[in-house]
Amino acid sequence: MPKVTFLPDNFDVEIDDGGTILEAAEKFDIPLKHNCGGACNCGTCHVIIEEGGVNISEMDPEEEDTLDRALEVTNESRLACQCRITDDVVVTIPETSRS
């Protein structure tokens, strides 16, 4: 099972292959905003991929457009609701995305 490490709390969780970062956060009560419920409409579930970027699904144009509305965006930013995981990843939840 793939592992997601959430920073800054350094909390590790395992989820099913193909699950999303948001699903992992919800399942283990990780404080990650998701105002639209994971529909790729709001950008509040913004995370920064620190390690394992090759282990998540590619960004599609809809996610890219929605990410433009997020705060603190970097070159490694993604929406947790859109990142399907195939192997281990490490992500930072920016302060603006913590619930």
C-alpha atoms as a PDB file:
ATOM      1  CA  MET A   1       0.000   0.000   0.000  1.00  0.00           C
ATOM      2  CA  PRO A   2       1.301   3.478  -0.838  1.00  0.00           C
ATOM      3  CA  LYS A   3       2.243   5.736   2.063  1.00  0.00           C
ATOM      4  CA  VAL A   4       1.500   9.459   2.315  1.00  0.00           C
ATOM      5  CA  THR A   5       3.579  11.527   4.716  1.00  0.00           C
ATOM      6  CA  PHE A   6       1.891  14.792   5.686  1.00  0.00           C
ATOM      7  CA  LEU A   7       4.136  17.665   6.725  1.00  0.00           C
ATOM      8  CA  PRO A   8       4.582  19.723   8.831  1.00  0.00           C
ATOM      9  CA  ASP A   9       3.174  17.182  11.318  1.00  0.00           C
ATOM     10  CA  ASN A  10       5.221  14.281   9.876  1.00  0.00           C
ATOM     11  CA  PHE A  11       2.159  12.002   9.982  1.00  0.00           C
ATOM     12  CA  ASP A  12       2.369   8.795   7.853  1.00  0.00           C
ATOM     13  CA  VAL A  13      -0.704   7.001   6.539  1.00  0.00           C
ATOM     14  CA  GLU A  14      -1.235   4.141   4.098  1.00  0.00           C
ATOM     15  CA  ILE A  15      -3.979   4.139   1.499  1.00  0.00           C
ATOM     16  CA  ASP A  16      -5.112   1.921  -1.341  1.00  0.00           C
ATOM     17  CA  ASP A  17      -3.233   2.196  -4.627  1.00  0.00           C
ATOM     18  CA  GLY A  18      -5.075   4.761  -6.764  1.00  0.00           C
ATOM     19  CA  GLY A  19      -6.563   6.631  -3.810  1.00  0.00           C
ATOM     20  CA  THR A  20      -6.137  10.391  -3.577  1.00  0.00           C
ATOM     21  CA  ILE A  21      -4.177  12.477  -1.120  1.00  0.00           C
ATOM     22  CA  LEU A  22      -7.471  14.042  -0.024  1.00  0.00           C
ATOM     23  CA  GLU A  23      -9.000  10.608   0.648  1.00  0.00           C
ATOM     24  CA  ALA A  24      -5.986   9.759   2.820  1.00  0.00           C
ATOM     25  CA  ALA A  25      -6.370  13.021   4.755  1.00  0.00           C
ATOM     26  CA  GLU A  26     -10.085  12.442   5.310  1.00  0.00           C
ATOM     27  CA  LYS A  27      -9.650   8.821   6.366  1.00  0.00           C
ATOM     28  CA  PHE A  28      -7.089   9.705   9.026  1.00  0.00           C
ATOM     29  CA  ASP A  29      -8.510  13.086  10.130  1.00  0.00           C
ATOM     30  CA  ILE A  30      -5.593  15.108   8.761  1.00  0.00           C
ATOM     31  CA  PRO A  31      -6.546  18.815   8.844  1.00  0.00           C
ATOM     32  CA  LEU A  32      -6.825  19.626   5.110  1.00  0.00           C
ATOM     33  CA  LYS A  33      -9.478  22.001   3.779  1.00  0.00           C
ATOM     34  CA  HIS A  34     -11.661  20.820   0.916  1.00  0.00           C
ATOM     35  CA  ASN A  35     -14.549  23.245   0.551  1.00  0.00           C
ATOM     36  CA  CYS A  36     -15.923  21.738  -2.668  1.00  0.00           C
ATOM     37  CA  GLY A  37     -15.792  18.158  -1.392  1.00  0.00           C
ATOM     38  CA  GLY A  38     -13.092  17.068  -3.825  1.00  0.00           C
ATOM     39  CA  ALA A  39     -14.744  18.259  -7.040  1.00  0.00           C
ATOM     40  CA  CYS A  40     -11.732  20.311  -8.241  1.00  0.00           C
ATOM     41  CA  ASN A  41     -13.707  23.557  -7.989  1.00  0.00           C
ATOM     42  CA  CYS A  42     -12.172  25.567  -5.150  1.00  0.00           C
ATOM     43  CA  GLY A  43      -8.434  25.026  -4.725  1.00  0.00           C
ATOM     44  CA  THR A  44      -8.595  24.818  -0.929  1.00  0.00           C
ATOM     45  CA  CYS A  45      -7.019  21.330  -0.795  1.00  0.00           C
ATOM     46  CA  HIS A  46      -3.751  22.678  -2.180  1.00  0.00           C
ATOM     47  CA  VAL A  47      -0.671  20.703  -1.130  1.00  0.00           C
ATOM     48  CA  ILE A  48       2.997  20.874  -2.091  1.00  0.00           C
ATOM     49  CA  ILE A  49       4.596  17.654  -3.311  1.00  0.00           C
ATOM     50  CA  GLU A  50       7.957  17.396  -1.520  1.00  0.00           C
ATOM     51  CA  GLU A  51       8.910  13.865  -2.625  1.00  0.00           C
ATOM     52  CA  GLY A  52       7.433  11.224  -4.907  1.00  0.00           C
ATOM     53  CA  GLY A  53       5.977  13.473  -7.585  1.00  0.00           C
ATOM     54  CA  VAL A  54       6.438  10.655 -10.112  1.00  0.00           C
ATOM     55  CA  ASN A  55       4.123   8.522  -7.955  1.00  0.00           C
ATOM     56  CA  ILE A  56       0.979  10.587  -8.546  1.00  0.00           C
ATOM     57  CA  SER A  57      -1.306  11.111 -11.493  1.00  0.00           C
ATOM     58  CA  GLU A  58      -0.496  13.874 -13.960  1.00  0.00           C
ATOM     59  CA  MET A  59      -2.152  17.264 -13.676  1.00  0.00           C
ATOM     60  CA  ASP A  60      -4.986  17.884 -16.121  1.00  0.00           C
ATOM     61  CA  PRO A  61      -6.059  21.318 -17.430  1.00  0.00           C
ATOM     62  CA  GLU A  62      -9.015  21.566 -15.032  1.00  0.00           C
ATOM     63  CA  GLU A  63      -6.752  21.085 -11.999  1.00  0.00           C
ATOM     64  CA  GLU A  64      -4.268  23.602 -13.396  1.00  0.00           C
ATOM     65  CA  ASP A  65      -7.027  26.208 -13.797  1.00  0.00           C
ATOM     66  CA  THR A  66      -8.377  25.589 -10.285  1.00  0.00           C
ATOM     67  CA  LEU A  67      -4.890  25.677  -8.759  1.00  0.00           C
ATOM     68  CA  ASP A  68      -4.535  29.222 -10.095  1.00  0.00           C
ATOM     69  CA  ARG A  69      -6.992  30.288  -7.357  1.00  0.00           C
ATOM     70  CA  ALA A  70      -5.027  28.688  -4.511  1.00  0.00           C
ATOM     71  CA  LEU A  71      -2.712  30.610  -2.179  1.00  0.00           C
ATOM     72  CA  GLU A  72       1.016  29.963  -1.685  1.00  0.00           C
ATOM     73  CA  VAL A  73       1.320  28.045  -4.988  1.00  0.00           C
ATOM     74  CA  THR A  74       4.740  26.695  -5.973  1.00  0.00           C
ATOM     75  CA  ASN A  75       6.021  24.694  -8.948  1.00  0.00           C
ATOM     76  CA  GLU A  76       5.327  21.550  -6.909  1.00  0.00           C
ATOM     77  CA  SER A  77       1.749  22.485  -5.962  1.00  0.00           C
ATOM     78  CA  ARG A  78      -1.147  20.141  -6.604  1.00  0.00           C
ATOM     79  CA  LEU A  79      -4.750  19.710  -5.502  1.00  0.00           C
ATOM     80  CA  ALA A  80      -5.018  16.819  -3.051  1.00  0.00           C
ATOM     81  CA  CYS A  81      -8.399  15.823  -4.493  1.00  0.00           C
ATOM     82  CA  GLN A  82      -6.850  15.210  -7.924  1.00  0.00           C
ATOM     83  CA  CYS A  83      -3.634  13.366  -6.977  1.00  0.00           C
ATOM     84  CA  ARG A  84      -4.108   9.623  -7.384  1.00  0.00           C
ATOM     85  CA  ILE A  85      -1.247   7.812  -5.668  1.00  0.00           C
ATOM     86  CA  THR A  86       0.645   4.815  -7.028  1.00  0.00           C
ATOM     87  CA  ASP A  87       3.531   4.809  -4.538  1.00  0.00           C
ATOM     88  CA  ASP A  88       4.899   6.757  -1.558  1.00  0.00           C
ATOM     89  CA  VAL A  89       4.680  10.560  -1.477  1.00  0.00           C
ATOM     90  CA  VAL A  90       5.580  13.320   0.970  1.00  0.00           C
ATOM     91  CA  VAL A  91       3.393  16.442   0.957  1.00  0.00           C
ATOM     92  CA  THR A  92       3.323  19.712   2.839  1.00  0.00           C
ATOM     93  CA  ILE A  93      -0.023  21.192   3.755  1.00  0.00           C
ATOM     94  CA  PRO A  94       0.422  24.973   3.554  1.00  0.00           C
ATOM     95  CA  GLU A  95      -0.994  27.014   6.418  1.00  0.00           C
ATOM     96  CA  THR A  96      -3.740  28.353   4.115  1.00  0.00           C
ATOM     97  CA  SER A  97      -4.945  24.787   3.425  1.00  0.00           C
ATOM     98  CA  ARG A  98      -4.995  23.560   7.019  1.00  0.00           C
ATOM     99  CA  SER A  99      -8.452  23.260   8.532  1.00  0.00           C
END
